[in-house]
Amino acid sequence: STLPWRESRRLDFANEIVVDADSVAPRKPSRKRWSTLMNSFS
């Protein structure tokens, strides 16, 4: 990581997303604009 103290830690952003239908979505409502540009995972 360009932020060395992040190394060996869990990616925090992974806790902010959830599976929604056949794609992913933010776990909590957000004022920011989320989009899934690509998803070829089942």
Full PDB file with SEQRES, HELIX, SHEET, SSBOND, CRYST1, ORIGX, SCALE, CONECT and MASTER records, all heavy atoms in Angstrom:
SEQRES   1 A   42  SER THR LEU PRO TRP ARG GLU SER ARG ARG LEU ASP PHE          
SEQRES   2 A   42  ALA ASN GLU ILE VAL VAL ASP ALA ASP SER VAL ALA PRO          
SEQRES   3 A   42  ARG LYS PRO SER ARG LYS ARG TRP SER THR LEU MET ASN          
SEQRES   4 A   42  SER PHE SER                                                  
HELIX    1 AA1 PRO A    4  ARG A    6  5                                   3    
HELIX    2 AA2 ASP A   12  GLU A   16  5                                   5    
SHEET    1 AA1 2 ILE A  17  ASP A  20  0                                        
SHEET    2 AA1 2 SER A  23  PRO A  26 -1                                        
CRYST1    1.000    1.000    1.000  90.00  90.00  90.00 P 1           1          
ORIGX1      1.000000  0.000000  0.000000        0.00000                         
ORIGX2      0.000000  1.000000  0.000000        0.00000                         
ORIGX3      0.000000  0.000000  1.000000        0.00000                         
SCALE1      1.000000  0.000000  0.000000        0.00000                         
SCALE2      0.000000  1.000000  0.000000        0.00000                         
SCALE3      0.000000  0.000000  1.000000        0.00000                         
ATOM      1  N   SER A   1       0.839  -1.197   0.000  1.00  0.00           N  
ATOM      2  CA  SER A   1       0.000   0.000   0.000  1.00  0.00           C  
ATOM      3  C   SER A   1       0.870   1.241   0.000  1.00  0.00           C  
ATOM      4  O   SER A   1       1.971   1.248   0.566  1.00  0.00           O  
ATOM      5  CB  SER A   1      -0.923   0.026   1.222  1.00  0.00           C  
ATOM      6  OG  SER A   1      -1.707   1.205   1.247  1.00  0.00           O  
ATOM      7  N   THR A   2       0.362   2.307  -0.624  1.00  0.00           N  
ATOM      8  CA  THR A   2       1.037   3.599  -0.537  1.00  0.00           C  
ATOM      9  C   THR A   2       0.932   4.179   0.868  1.00  0.00           C  
ATOM     10  O   THR A   2       1.642   5.127   1.199  1.00  0.00           O  
ATOM     11  CB  THR A   2       0.440   4.590  -1.547  1.00  0.00           C  
ATOM     12  OG1 THR A   2      -0.986   4.653  -1.362  1.00  0.00           O  
ATOM     13  CG2 THR A   2       0.748   4.165  -2.982  1.00  0.00           C  
ATOM     14  N   LEU A   3       0.035   3.623   1.687  1.00  0.00           N  
ATOM     15  CA  LEU A   3      -0.049   3.950   3.110  1.00  0.00           C  
ATOM     16  C   LEU A   3       0.473   2.723   3.861  1.00  0.00           C  
ATOM     17  O   LEU A   3      -0.271   1.775   4.098  1.00  0.00           O  
ATOM     18  CB  LEU A   3      -1.491   4.271   3.513  1.00  0.00           C  
ATOM     19  CG  LEU A   3      -2.184   5.378   2.707  1.00  0.00           C  
ATOM     20  CD1 LEU A   3      -3.610   5.583   3.212  1.00  0.00           C  
ATOM     21  CD2 LEU A   3      -1.395   6.677   2.773  1.00  0.00           C  
ATOM     22  N   PRO A   4       1.737   2.700   4.234  1.00  0.00           N  
ATOM     23  CA  PRO A   4       2.377   1.467   4.731  1.00  0.00           C  
ATOM     24  C   PRO A   4       1.674   0.837   5.927  1.00  0.00           C  
ATOM     25  O   PRO A   4       1.711  -0.399   6.087  1.00  0.00           O  
ATOM     26  CB  PRO A   4       3.792   1.932   5.105  1.00  0.00           C  
ATOM     27  CG  PRO A   4       4.014   3.169   4.321  1.00  0.00           C  
ATOM     28  CD  PRO A   4       2.682   3.827   4.175  1.00  0.00           C  
ATOM     29  N   TRP A   5       1.046   1.634   6.783  1.00  0.00           N  
ATOM     30  CA  TRP A   5       0.382   1.080   7.964  1.00  0.00           C  
ATOM     31  C   TRP A   5      -0.861   0.272   7.603  1.00  0.00           C  
ATOM     32  O   TRP A   5      -1.413  -0.422   8.449  1.00  0.00           O  
ATOM     33  CB  TRP A   5       0.029   2.191   8.942  1.00  0.00           C  
ATOM     34  CG  TRP A   5      -0.667   3.361   8.322  1.00  0.00           C  
ATOM     35  CD1 TRP A   5      -2.013   3.552   8.171  1.00  0.00           C  
ATOM     36  CD2 TRP A   5      -0.048   4.520   7.758  1.00  0.00           C  
ATOM     37  NE1 TRP A   5      -2.270   4.738   7.541  1.00  0.00           N  
ATOM     38  CE2 TRP A   5      -1.078   5.361   7.276  1.00  0.00           C  
ATOM     39  CE3 TRP A   5       1.291   4.931   7.615  1.00  0.00           C  
ATOM     40  CZ2 TRP A   5      -0.813   6.581   6.659  1.00  0.00           C  
ATOM     41  CZ3 TRP A   5       1.543   6.155   7.007  1.00  0.00           C  
ATOM     42  CH2 TRP A   5       0.504   6.954   6.532  1.00  0.00           C  
ATOM     43  N   ARG A   6      -1.314   0.348   6.351  1.00  0.00           N  
ATOM     44  CA  ARG A   6      -2.444  -0.481   5.921  1.00  0.00           C  
ATOM     45  C   ARG A   6      -2.026  -1.931   5.658  1.00  0.00           C  
ATOM     46  O   ARG A   6      -2.863  -2.835   5.655  1.00  0.00           O  
ATOM     47  CB  ARG A   6      -3.040   0.079   4.636  1.00  0.00           C  
ATOM     48  CG  ARG A   6      -3.530   1.500   4.733  1.00  0.00           C  
ATOM     49  CD  ARG A   6      -4.928   1.551   5.265  1.00  0.00           C  
ATOM     50  NE  ARG A   6      -5.583   2.813   4.929  1.00  0.00           N  
ATOM     51  CZ  ARG A   6      -6.336   3.483   5.772  1.00  0.00           C  
ATOM     52  NH1 ARG A   6      -6.526   3.040   6.997  1.00  0.00           N  
ATOM     53  NH2 ARG A   6      -6.906   4.610   5.397  1.00  0.00           N  
ATOM     54  N   GLU A   7      -0.761  -2.129   5.395  1.00  0.00           N  
ATOM     55  CA  GLU A   7      -0.285  -3.457   5.002  1.00  0.00           C  
ATOM     56  C   GLU A   7      -0.488  -4.474   6.113  1.00  0.00           C  
ATOM     57  O   GLU A   7      -0.320  -4.173   7.303  1.00  0.00           O  
ATOM     58  CB  GLU A   7       1.189  -3.382   4.591  1.00  0.00           C  
ATOM     59  CG  GLU A   7       1.392  -2.553   3.328  1.00  0.00           C  
ATOM     60  CD  GLU A   7       2.830  -2.385   2.909  1.00  0.00           C  
ATOM     61  OE1 GLU A   7       3.721  -2.882   3.632  1.00  0.00           O  
ATOM     62  OE2 GLU A   7       3.074  -1.751   1.873  1.00  0.00           O  
ATOM     63  N   SER A   8      -0.893  -5.672   5.712  1.00  0.00           N  
ATOM     64  CA  SER A   8      -1.216  -6.806   6.598  1.00  0.00           C  
ATOM     65  C   SER A   8      -2.572  -6.646   7.274  1.00  0.00           C  
ATOM     66  O   SER A   8      -2.982  -7.524   8.025  1.00  0.00           O  
ATOM     67  CB  SER A   8      -0.124  -7.026   7.657  1.00  0.00           C  
ATOM     68  OG  SER A   8       1.107  -7.326   7.023  1.00  0.00           O  
ATOM     69  N   ARG A   9      -3.278  -5.555   6.995  1.00  0.00           N  
ATOM     70  CA  ARG A   9      -4.607  -5.346   7.570  1.00  0.00           C  
ATOM     71  C   ARG A   9      -5.684  -5.698   6.556  1.00  0.00           C  
ATOM     72  O   ARG A   9      -5.438  -5.818   5.360  1.00  0.00           O  
ATOM     73  CB  ARG A   9      -4.769  -3.894   8.012  1.00  0.00           C  
ATOM     74  CG  ARG A   9      -3.862  -3.480   9.156  1.00  0.00           C  
ATOM     75  CD  ARG A   9      -4.003  -2.005   9.467  1.00  0.00           C  
ATOM     76  NE  ARG A   9      -5.390  -1.605   9.680  1.00  0.00           N  
ATOM     77  CZ  ARG A   9      -5.775  -0.336   9.866  1.00  0.00           C  
ATOM     78  NH1 ARG A   9      -4.879   0.639   9.836  1.00  0.00           N  
ATOM     79  NH2 ARG A   9      -7.046  -0.051  10.063  1.00  0.00           N  
ATOM     80  N   ARG A  10      -6.900  -5.867   7.038  1.00  0.00           N  
ATOM     81  CA  ARG A  10      -8.040  -6.107   6.170  1.00  0.00           C  
ATOM     82  C   ARG A  10      -8.432  -4.813   5.470  1.00  0.00           C  
ATOM     83  O   ARG A  10      -8.373  -3.729   6.063  1.00  0.00           O  
ATOM     84  CB  ARG A  10      -9.224  -6.631   6.990  1.00  0.00           C  
ATOM     85  CG  ARG A  10     -10.525  -6.860   6.191  1.00  0.00           C  
ATOM     86  CD  ARG A  10     -11.627  -7.371   7.110  1.00  0.00           C  
ATOM     87  NE  ARG A  10     -12.926  -7.379   6.441  1.00  0.00           N  
ATOM     88  CZ  ARG A  10     -13.399  -8.379   5.712  1.00  0.00           C  
ATOM     89  NH1 ARG A  10     -12.662  -9.468   5.550  1.00  0.00           N  
ATOM     90  NH2 ARG A  10     -14.590  -8.313   5.140  1.00  0.00           N  
ATOM     91  N   LEU A  11      -8.841  -4.939   4.224  1.00  0.00           N  
ATOM     92  CA  LEU A  11      -9.314  -3.785   3.483  1.00  0.00           C  
ATOM     93  C   LEU A  11     -10.635  -3.314   4.071  1.00  0.00           C  
ATOM     94  O   LEU A  11     -11.644  -4.028   4.023  1.00  0.00           O  
ATOM     95  CB  LEU A  11      -9.488  -4.144   2.005  1.00  0.00           C  
ATOM     96  CG  LEU A  11     -10.027  -3.030   1.109  1.00  0.00           C  
ATOM     97  CD1 LEU A  11      -8.991  -1.919   0.960  1.00  0.00           C  
ATOM     98  CD2 LEU A  11     -10.449  -3.579  -0.249  1.00  0.00           C  
ATOM     99  N   ASP A  12     -10.669  -2.096   4.608  1.00  0.00           N  
ATOM    100  CA  ASP A  12     -11.878  -1.573   5.241  1.00  0.00           C  
ATOM    101  C   ASP A  12     -13.043  -1.490   4.262  1.00  0.00           C  
ATOM    102  O   ASP A  12     -14.196  -1.721   4.635  1.00  0.00           O  
ATOM    103  CB  ASP A  12     -11.606  -0.182   5.826  1.00  0.00           C  
ATOM    104  CG  ASP A  12     -10.598  -0.203   6.962  1.00  0.00           C  
ATOM    105  OD1 ASP A  12     -10.432  -1.277   7.577  1.00  0.00           O  
ATOM    106  OD2 ASP A  12      -9.977   0.840   7.224  1.00  0.00           O  
ATOM    107  N   PHE A  13     -12.757  -1.166   3.022  1.00  0.00           N  
ATOM    108  CA  PHE A  13     -13.816  -0.989   2.036  1.00  0.00           C  
ATOM    109  C   PHE A  13     -14.611  -2.273   1.820  1.00  0.00           C  
ATOM    110  O   PHE A  13     -15.793  -2.221   1.454  1.00  0.00           O  
ATOM    111  CB  PHE A  13     -13.212  -0.520   0.710  1.00  0.00           C  
ATOM    112  CG  PHE A  13     -14.235  -0.145  -0.334  1.00  0.00           C  
ATOM    113  CD1 PHE A  13     -15.002   0.996  -0.194  1.00  0.00           C  
ATOM    114  CD2 PHE A  13     -14.418  -0.934  -1.460  1.00  0.00           C  
ATOM    115  CE1 PHE A  13     -15.942   1.347  -1.156  1.00  0.00           C  
ATOM    116  CE2 PHE A  13     -15.349  -0.595  -2.427  1.00  0.00           C  
ATOM    117  CZ  PHE A  13     -16.113   0.552  -2.280  1.00  0.00           C  
ATOM    118  N   ALA A  14     -13.992  -3.430   2.063  1.00  0.00           N  
ATOM    119  CA  ALA A  14     -14.707  -4.703   1.905  1.00  0.00           C  
ATOM    120  C   ALA A  14     -15.880  -4.806   2.875  1.00  0.00           C  
ATOM    121  O   ALA A  14     -16.854  -5.529   2.607  1.00  0.00           O  
ATOM    122  CB  ALA A  14     -13.752  -5.875   2.111  1.00  0.00           C  
ATOM    123  N   ASN A  15     -15.795  -4.091   4.002  1.00  0.00           N  
ATOM    124  CA  ASN A  15     -16.889  -4.108   4.978  1.00  0.00           C  
ATOM    125  C   ASN A  15     -18.043  -3.191   4.570  1.00  0.00           C  
ATOM    126  O   ASN A  15     -19.104  -3.228   5.194  1.00  0.00           O  
ATOM    127  CB  ASN A  15     -16.368  -3.677   6.352  1.00  0.00           C  
ATOM    128  CG  ASN A  15     -15.272  -4.588   6.873  1.00  0.00           C  
ATOM    129  OD1 ASN A  15     -15.277  -5.784   6.609  1.00  0.00           O  
ATOM    130  ND2 ASN A  15     -14.324  -4.020   7.596  1.00  0.00           N  
ATOM    131  N   GLU A  16     -17.824  -2.371   3.559  1.00  0.00           N  
ATOM    132  CA  GLU A  16     -18.842  -1.406   3.144  1.00  0.00           C  
ATOM    133  C   GLU A  16     -19.728  -1.901   2.010  1.00  0.00           C  
ATOM    134  O   GLU A  16     -20.674  -1.220   1.629  1.00  0.00           O  
ATOM    135  CB  GLU A  16     -18.172  -0.094   2.710  1.00  0.00           C  
ATOM    136  CG  GLU A  16     -17.387   0.596   3.813  1.00  0.00           C  
ATOM    137  CD  GLU A  16     -16.782   1.904   3.344  1.00  0.00           C  
ATOM    138  OE1 GLU A  16     -17.405   2.549   2.472  1.00  0.00           O  
ATOM    139  OE2 GLU A  16     -15.702   2.271   3.831  1.00  0.00           O  
ATOM    140  N   ILE A  17     -19.417  -3.068   1.451  1.00  0.00           N  
ATOM    141  CA  ILE A  17     -20.189  -3.572   0.321  1.00  0.00           C  
ATOM    142  C   ILE A  17     -20.859  -4.895   0.675  1.00  0.00           C  
ATOM    143  O   ILE A  17     -20.363  -5.657   1.513  1.00  0.00           O  
ATOM    144  CB  ILE A  17     -19.312  -3.747  -0.928  1.00  0.00           C  
ATOM    145  CG1 ILE A  17     -18.102  -4.658  -0.629  1.00  0.00           C  
ATOM    146  CG2 ILE A  17     -18.846  -2.407  -1.449  1.00  0.00           C  
ATOM    147  CD1 ILE A  17     -17.213  -4.882  -1.833  1.00  0.00           C  
ATOM    148  N   VAL A  18     -21.999  -5.141   0.044  1.00  0.00           N  
ATOM    149  CA  VAL A  18     -22.735  -6.390   0.247  1.00  0.00           C  
ATOM    150  C   VAL A  18     -23.238  -6.882  -1.106  1.00  0.00           C  
ATOM    151  O   VAL A  18     -23.327  -6.117  -2.074  1.00  0.00           O  
ATOM    152  CB  VAL A  18     -23.942  -6.197   1.197  1.00  0.00           C  
ATOM    153  CG1 VAL A  18     -23.496  -5.896   2.605  1.00  0.00           C  
ATOM    154  CG2 VAL A  18     -24.870  -5.117   0.662  1.00  0.00           C  
ATOM    155  N   VAL A  19     -23.587  -8.158  -1.149  1.00  0.00           N  
ATOM    156  CA  VAL A  19     -24.195  -8.721  -2.348  1.00  0.00           C  
ATOM    157  C   VAL A  19     -25.665  -8.333  -2.376  1.00  0.00           C  
ATOM    158  O   VAL A  19     -26.387  -8.495  -1.400  1.00  0.00           O  
ATOM    159  CB  VAL A  19     -24.047 -10.258  -2.367  1.00  0.00           C  
ATOM    160  CG1 VAL A  19     -24.770 -10.852  -3.571  1.00  0.00           C  
ATOM    161  CG2 VAL A  19     -22.572 -10.648  -2.370  1.00  0.00           C  
ATOM    162  N   ASP A  20     -26.089  -7.796  -3.499  1.00  0.00           N  
ATOM    163  CA  ASP A  20     -27.475  -7.371  -3.671  1.00  0.00           C  
ATOM    164  C   ASP A  20     -27.938  -7.892  -5.032  1.00  0.00           C  
ATOM    165  O   ASP A  20     -27.448  -7.432  -6.063  1.00  0.00           O  
ATOM    166  CB  ASP A  20     -27.566  -5.849  -3.620  1.00  0.00           C  
ATOM    167  CG  ASP A  20     -29.003  -5.356  -3.658  1.00  0.00           C  
ATOM    168  OD1 ASP A  20     -29.910  -6.173  -3.499  1.00  0.00           O  
ATOM    169  OD2 ASP A  20     -29.192  -4.138  -3.861  1.00  0.00           O  
ATOM    170  N   ALA A  21     -28.867  -8.873  -5.018  1.00  0.00           N  
ATOM    171  CA  ALA A  21     -29.280  -9.560  -6.242  1.00  0.00           C  
ATOM    172  C   ALA A  21     -28.050 -10.227  -6.846  1.00  0.00           C  
ATOM    173  O   ALA A  21     -27.374 -10.993  -6.162  1.00  0.00           O  
ATOM    174  CB  ALA A  21     -29.955  -8.596  -7.200  1.00  0.00           C  
ATOM    175  N   ASP A  22     -27.721  -9.921  -8.089  1.00  0.00           N  
ATOM    176  CA  ASP A  22     -26.562 -10.533  -8.728  1.00  0.00           C  
ATOM    177  C   ASP A  22     -25.393  -9.569  -8.844  1.00  0.00           C  
ATOM    178  O   ASP A  22     -24.502  -9.756  -9.668  1.00  0.00           O  
ATOM    179  CB  ASP A  22     -26.943 -11.046 -10.127  1.00  0.00           C  
ATOM    180  CG  ASP A  22     -27.903 -12.215 -10.065  1.00  0.00           C  
ATOM    181  OD1 ASP A  22     -27.774 -13.033  -9.131  1.00  0.00           O  
ATOM    182  OD2 ASP A  22     -28.782 -12.312 -10.940  1.00  0.00           O  
ATOM    183  N   SER A  23     -25.407  -8.521  -8.002  1.00  0.00           N  
ATOM    184  CA  SER A  23     -24.328  -7.557  -8.047  1.00  0.00           C  
ATOM    185  C   SER A  23     -23.965  -7.160  -6.617  1.00  0.00           C  
ATOM    186  O   SER A  23     -24.263  -7.888  -5.671  1.00  0.00           O  
ATOM    187  CB  SER A  23     -24.752  -6.338  -8.869  1.00  0.00           C  
ATOM    188  OG  SER A  23     -23.652  -5.480  -9.082  1.00  0.00           O  
ATOM    189  N   VAL A  24     -23.323  -6.020  -6.451  1.00  0.00           N  
ATOM    190  CA  VAL A  24     -22.939  -5.541  -5.125  1.00  0.00           C  
ATOM    191  C   VAL A  24     -23.506  -4.146  -4.932  1.00  0.00           C  
ATOM    192  O   VAL A  24     -23.828  -3.435  -5.888  1.00  0.00           O  
ATOM    193  CB  VAL A  24     -21.413  -5.526  -4.934  1.00  0.00           C  
ATOM    194  CG1 VAL A  24     -20.852  -6.932  -5.027  1.00  0.00           C  
ATOM    195  CG2 VAL A  24     -20.742  -4.613  -5.949  1.00  0.00           C  
ATOM    196  N   ALA A  25     -23.623  -3.747  -3.675  1.00  0.00           N  
ATOM    197  CA  ALA A  25     -24.198  -2.451  -3.320  1.00  0.00           C  
ATOM    198  C   ALA A  25     -23.576  -1.979  -2.019  1.00  0.00           C  
ATOM    199  O   ALA A  25     -22.967  -2.769  -1.285  1.00  0.00           O  
ATOM    200  CB  ALA A  25     -25.712  -2.571  -3.175  1.00  0.00           C  
ATOM    201  N   PRO A  26     -23.715  -0.687  -1.702  1.00  0.00           N  
ATOM    202  CA  PRO A  26     -23.208  -0.213  -0.410  1.00  0.00           C  
ATOM    203  C   PRO A  26     -24.018  -0.797   0.734  1.00  0.00           C  
ATOM    204  O   PRO A  26     -25.233  -0.932   0.639  1.00  0.00           O  
ATOM    205  CB  PRO A  26     -23.376   1.309  -0.498  1.00  0.00           C  
ATOM    206  CG  PRO A  26     -24.424   1.522  -1.531  1.00  0.00           C  
ATOM    207  CD  PRO A  26     -24.275   0.406  -2.512  1.00  0.00           C  
ATOM    208  N   ARG A  27     -23.322  -1.146   1.811  1.00  0.00           N  
ATOM    209  CA  ARG A  27     -24.010  -1.740   2.961  1.00  0.00           C  
ATOM    210  C   ARG A  27     -24.958  -0.738   3.616  1.00  0.00           C  
ATOM    211  O   ARG A  27     -26.033  -1.101   4.092  1.00  0.00           O  
ATOM    212  CB  ARG A  27     -22.976  -2.222   3.985  1.00  0.00           C  
ATOM    213  CG  ARG A  27     -23.564  -2.888   5.224  1.00  0.00           C  
ATOM    214  CD  ARG A  27     -22.473  -3.425   6.125  1.00  0.00           C  
ATOM    215  NE  ARG A  27     -21.744  -4.498   5.469  1.00  0.00           N  
ATOM    216  CZ  ARG A  27     -22.137  -5.769   5.456  1.00  0.00           C  
ATOM    217  NH1 ARG A  27     -23.262  -6.124   6.074  1.00  0.00           N  
ATOM    218  NH2 ARG A  27     -21.421  -6.685   4.846  1.00  0.00           N  
ATOM    219  N   LYS A  28     -24.576   0.532   3.638  1.00  0.00           N  
ATOM    220  CA  LYS A  28     -25.408   1.575   4.227  1.00  0.00           C  
ATOM    221  C   LYS A  28     -25.721   2.629   3.171  1.00  0.00           C  
ATOM    222  O   LYS A  28     -24.933   2.823   2.237  1.00  0.00           O  
ATOM    223  CB  LYS A  28     -24.685   2.232   5.417  1.00  0.00           C  
ATOM    224  CG  LYS A  28     -24.397   1.282   6.569  1.00  0.00           C  
ATOM    225  CD  LYS A  28     -23.662   2.010   7.687  1.00  0.00           C  
ATOM    226  CE  LYS A  28     -23.366   1.077   8.850  1.00  0.00           C  
ATOM    227  NZ  LYS A  28     -22.632   1.780   9.950  1.00  0.00           N  
ATOM    228  N   PRO A  29     -26.840   3.308   3.298  1.00  0.00           N  
ATOM    229  CA  PRO A  29     -27.162   4.376   2.346  1.00  0.00           C  
ATOM    230  C   PRO A  29     -26.029   5.403   2.294  1.00  0.00           C  
ATOM    231  O   PRO A  29     -25.412   5.728   3.303  1.00  0.00           O  
ATOM    232  CB  PRO A  29     -28.442   4.990   2.916  1.00  0.00           C  
ATOM    233  CG  PRO A  29     -29.042   3.897   3.747  1.00  0.00           C  
ATOM    234  CD  PRO A  29     -27.901   3.133   4.324  1.00  0.00           C  
ATOM    235  N   SER A  30     -25.777   5.901   1.105  1.00  0.00           N  
ATOM    236  CA  SER A  30     -24.673   6.833   0.927  1.00  0.00           C  
ATOM    237  C   SER A  30     -25.093   7.974   0.003  1.00  0.00           C  
ATOM    238  O   SER A  30     -25.862   7.767  -0.943  1.00  0.00           O  
ATOM    239  CB  SER A  30     -23.455   6.114   0.333  1.00  0.00           C  
ATOM    240  OG  SER A  30     -22.435   7.025   0.019  1.00  0.00           O  
ATOM    241  N   ARG A  31     -24.583   9.159   0.280  1.00  0.00           N  
ATOM    242  CA  ARG A  31     -24.826  10.289  -0.602  1.00  0.00           C  
ATOM    243  C   ARG A  31     -23.925  10.239  -1.820  1.00  0.00           C  
ATOM    244  O   ARG A  31     -24.151  10.961  -2.795  1.00  0.00           O  
ATOM    245  CB  ARG A  31     -24.605  11.598   0.155  1.00  0.00           C  
ATOM    246  CG  ARG A  31     -25.610  11.848   1.279  1.00  0.00           C  
ATOM    247  CD  ARG A  31     -25.365  13.194   1.934  1.00  0.00           C  
ATOM    248  NE  ARG A  31     -26.334  13.467   2.988  1.00  0.00           N  
ATOM    249  CZ  ARG A  31     -26.341  14.567   3.732  1.00  0.00           C  
ATOM    250  NH1 ARG A  31     -25.415  15.499   3.518  1.00  0.00           N  
ATOM    251  NH2 ARG A  31     -27.254  14.732   4.671  1.00  0.00           N  
ATOM    252  N   LYS A  32     -22.929   9.398  -1.764  1.00  0.00           N  
ATOM    253  CA  LYS A  32     -22.029   9.260  -2.897  1.00  0.00           C  
ATOM    254  C   LYS A  32     -22.678   8.367  -3.961  1.00  0.00           C  
ATOM    255  O   LYS A  32     -23.545   7.548  -3.665  1.00  0.00           O  
ATOM    256  CB  LYS A  32     -20.698   8.651  -2.449  1.00  0.00           C  
ATOM    257  CG  LYS A  32     -19.958   9.506  -1.428  1.00  0.00           C  
ATOM    258  CD  LYS A  32     -18.680   8.850  -0.975  1.00  0.00           C  
ATOM    259  CE  LYS A  32     -17.962   9.688   0.080  1.00  0.00           C  
ATOM    260  NZ  LYS A  32     -16.720   9.044   0.566  1.00  0.00           N  
ATOM    261  N   ARG A  33     -22.264   8.533  -5.185  1.00  0.00           N  
ATOM    262  CA  ARG A  33     -22.836   7.788  -6.303  1.00  0.00           C  
ATOM    263  C   ARG A  33     -22.047   6.497  -6.507  1.00  0.00           C  
ATOM    264  O   ARG A  33     -20.875   6.521  -6.875  1.00  0.00           O  
ATOM    265  CB  ARG A  33     -22.811   8.635  -7.571  1.00  0.00           C  
ATOM    266  CG  ARG A  33     -23.449   7.962  -8.781  1.00  0.00           C  
ATOM    267  CD  ARG A  33     -23.552   8.961  -9.923  1.00  0.00           C  
ATOM    268  NE  ARG A  33     -24.150   8.345 -11.098  1.00  0.00           N  
ATOM    269  CZ  ARG A  33     -23.454   7.793 -12.091  1.00  0.00           C  
ATOM    270  NH1 ARG A  33     -22.136   7.798 -12.042  1.00  0.00           N  
ATOM    271  NH2 ARG A  33     -24.060   7.260 -13.127  1.00  0.00           N  
ATOM    272  N   TRP A  34     -22.695   5.369  -6.233  1.00  0.00           N  
ATOM    273  CA  TRP A  34     -22.085   4.054  -6.396  1.00  0.00           C  
ATOM    274  C   TRP A  34     -22.511   3.468  -7.735  1.00  0.00           C  
ATOM    275  O   TRP A  34     -23.659   3.606  -8.157  1.00  0.00           O  
ATOM    276  CB  TRP A  34     -22.547   3.110  -5.290  1.00  0.00           C  
ATOM    277  CG  TRP A  34     -21.896   3.328  -3.965  1.00  0.00           C  
ATOM    278  CD1 TRP A  34     -21.949   4.450  -3.193  1.00  0.00           C  
ATOM    279  CD2 TRP A  34     -21.101   2.389  -3.238  1.00  0.00           C  
ATOM    280  NE1 TRP A  34     -21.242   4.268  -2.029  1.00  0.00           N  
ATOM    281  CE2 TRP A  34     -20.717   3.014  -2.028  1.00  0.00           C  
ATOM    282  CE3 TRP A  34     -20.695   1.079  -3.479  1.00  0.00           C  
ATOM    283  CZ2 TRP A  34     -19.940   2.379  -1.076  1.00  0.00           C  
ATOM    284  CZ3 TRP A  34     -19.920   0.439  -2.534  1.00  0.00           C  
ATOM    285  CH2 TRP A  34     -19.543   1.085  -1.345  1.00  0.00           C  
ATOM    286  N   SER A  35     -21.600   2.765  -8.381  1.00  0.00           N  
ATOM    287  CA  SER A  35     -21.949   2.031  -9.592  1.00  0.00           C  
ATOM    288  C   SER A  35     -21.032   0.820  -9.731  1.00  0.00           C  
ATOM    289  O   SER A  35     -19.880   0.845  -9.284  1.00  0.00           O  
ATOM    290  CB  SER A  35     -21.843   2.924 -10.827  1.00  0.00           C  
ATOM    291  OG  SER A  35     -20.539   3.469 -10.949  1.00  0.00           O  
ATOM    292  N   THR A  36     -21.567  -0.233 -10.315  1.00  0.00           N  
ATOM    293  CA  THR A  36     -20.781  -1.425 -10.621  1.00  0.00           C  
ATOM    294  C   THR A  36     -20.522  -1.403 -12.123  1.00  0.00           C  
ATOM    295  O   THR A  36     -21.416  -1.701 -12.914  1.00  0.00           O  
ATOM    296  CB  THR A  36     -21.533  -2.708 -10.221  1.00  0.00           C  
ATOM    297  OG1 THR A  36     -21.857  -2.641  -8.831  1.00  0.00           O  
ATOM    298  CG2 THR A  36     -20.667  -3.936 -10.472  1.00  0.00           C  
ATOM    299  N   LEU A  37     -19.310  -1.019 -12.507  1.00  0.00           N  
ATOM    300  CA  LEU A  37     -18.993  -0.905 -13.924  1.00  0.00           C  
ATOM    301  C   LEU A  37     -18.891  -2.265 -14.592  1.00  0.00           C  
ATOM    302  O   LEU A  37     -19.161  -2.392 -15.785  1.00  0.00           O  
ATOM    303  CB  LEU A  37     -17.675  -0.152 -14.117  1.00  0.00           C  
ATOM    304  CG  LEU A  37     -17.657   1.338 -13.776  1.00  0.00           C  
ATOM    305  CD1 LEU A  37     -16.336   1.947 -14.201  1.00  0.00           C  
ATOM    306  CD2 LEU A  37     -18.808   2.069 -14.453  1.00  0.00           C  
ATOM    307  N   MET A  38     -18.504  -3.260 -13.834  1.00  0.00           N  
ATOM    308  CA  MET A  38     -18.323  -4.588 -14.400  1.00  0.00           C  
ATOM    309  C   MET A  38     -18.474  -5.629 -13.316  1.00  0.00           C  
ATOM    310  O   MET A  38     -18.017  -5.448 -12.186  1.00  0.00           O  
ATOM    311  CB  MET A  38     -16.938  -4.702 -15.047  1.00  0.00           C  
ATOM    312  CG  MET A  38     -16.610  -6.062 -15.629  1.00  0.00           C  
ATOM    313  SD  MET A  38     -15.092  -6.007 -16.603  1.00  0.00           S  
ATOM    314  CE  MET A  38     -15.604  -4.921 -17.932  1.00  0.00           C  
ATOM    315  N   ASN A  39     -19.137  -6.733 -13.640  1.00  0.00           N  
ATOM    316  CA  ASN A  39     -19.226  -7.872 -12.735  1.00  0.00           C  
ATOM    317  C   ASN A  39     -19.445  -9.132 -13.549  1.00  0.00           C  
ATOM    318  O   ASN A  39     -20.496  -9.303 -14.163  1.00  0.00           O  
ATOM    319  CB  ASN A  39     -20.369  -7.710 -11.728  1.00  0.00           C  
ATOM    320  CG  ASN A  39     -20.559  -8.981 -10.901  1.00  0.00           C  
ATOM    321  OD1 ASN A  39     -19.585  -9.649 -10.590  1.00  0.00           O  
ATOM    322  ND2 ASN A  39     -21.788  -9.321 -10.593  1.00  0.00           N  
ATOM    323  N   SER A  40     -18.453  -9.988 -13.600  1.00  0.00           N  
ATOM    324  CA  SER A  40     -18.599 -11.272 -14.270  1.00  0.00           C  
ATOM    325  C   SER A  40     -18.535 -12.429 -13.276  1.00  0.00           C  
ATOM    326  O   SER A  40     -18.394 -13.579 -13.666  1.00  0.00           O  
ATOM    327  CB  SER A  40     -17.532 -11.442 -15.361  1.00  0.00           C  
ATOM    328  OG  SER A  40     -16.231 -11.270 -14.840  1.00  0.00           O  
ATOM    329  N   PHE A  41     -18.644 -12.109 -11.965  1.00  0.00           N  
ATOM    330  CA  PHE A  41     -18.771 -13.135 -10.934  1.00  0.00           C  
ATOM    331  C   PHE A  41     -20.227 -13.598 -10.882  1.00  0.00           C  
ATOM    332  O   PHE A  41     -21.149 -12.797 -11.043  1.00  0.00           O  
ATOM    333  CB  PHE A  41     -18.392 -12.587  -9.557  1.00  0.00           C  
ATOM    334  CG  PHE A  41     -16.919 -12.435  -9.313  1.00  0.00           C  
ATOM    335  CD1 PHE A  41     -16.227 -11.335  -9.810  1.00  0.00           C  
ATOM    336  CD2 PHE A  41     -16.213 -13.378  -8.577  1.00  0.00           C  
ATOM    337  CE1 PHE A  41     -14.878 -11.184  -9.578  1.00  0.00           C  
ATOM    338  CE2 PHE A  41     -14.861 -13.237  -8.339  1.00  0.00           C  
ATOM    339  CZ  PHE A  41     -14.187 -12.134  -8.841  1.00  0.00           C  
ATOM    340  N   SER A  42     -20.443 -14.872 -10.616  1.00  0.00           N  
ATOM    341  CA  SER A  42     -21.796 -15.356 -10.360  1.00  0.00           C  
ATOM    342  C   SER A  42     -22.218 -14.937  -8.954  1.00  0.00           C  
ATOM    343  O   SER A  42     -21.377 -14.532  -8.141  1.00  0.00           O  
ATOM    344  CB  SER A  42     -21.859 -16.882 -10.476  1.00  0.00           C  
ATOM    345  OG  SER A  42     -21.124 -17.486  -9.413  1.00  0.00           O  
TER     346      SER A  42                                                      
MASTER        0    0    0    2    2    0    0    6  345    1    0    4          
END                                                                             
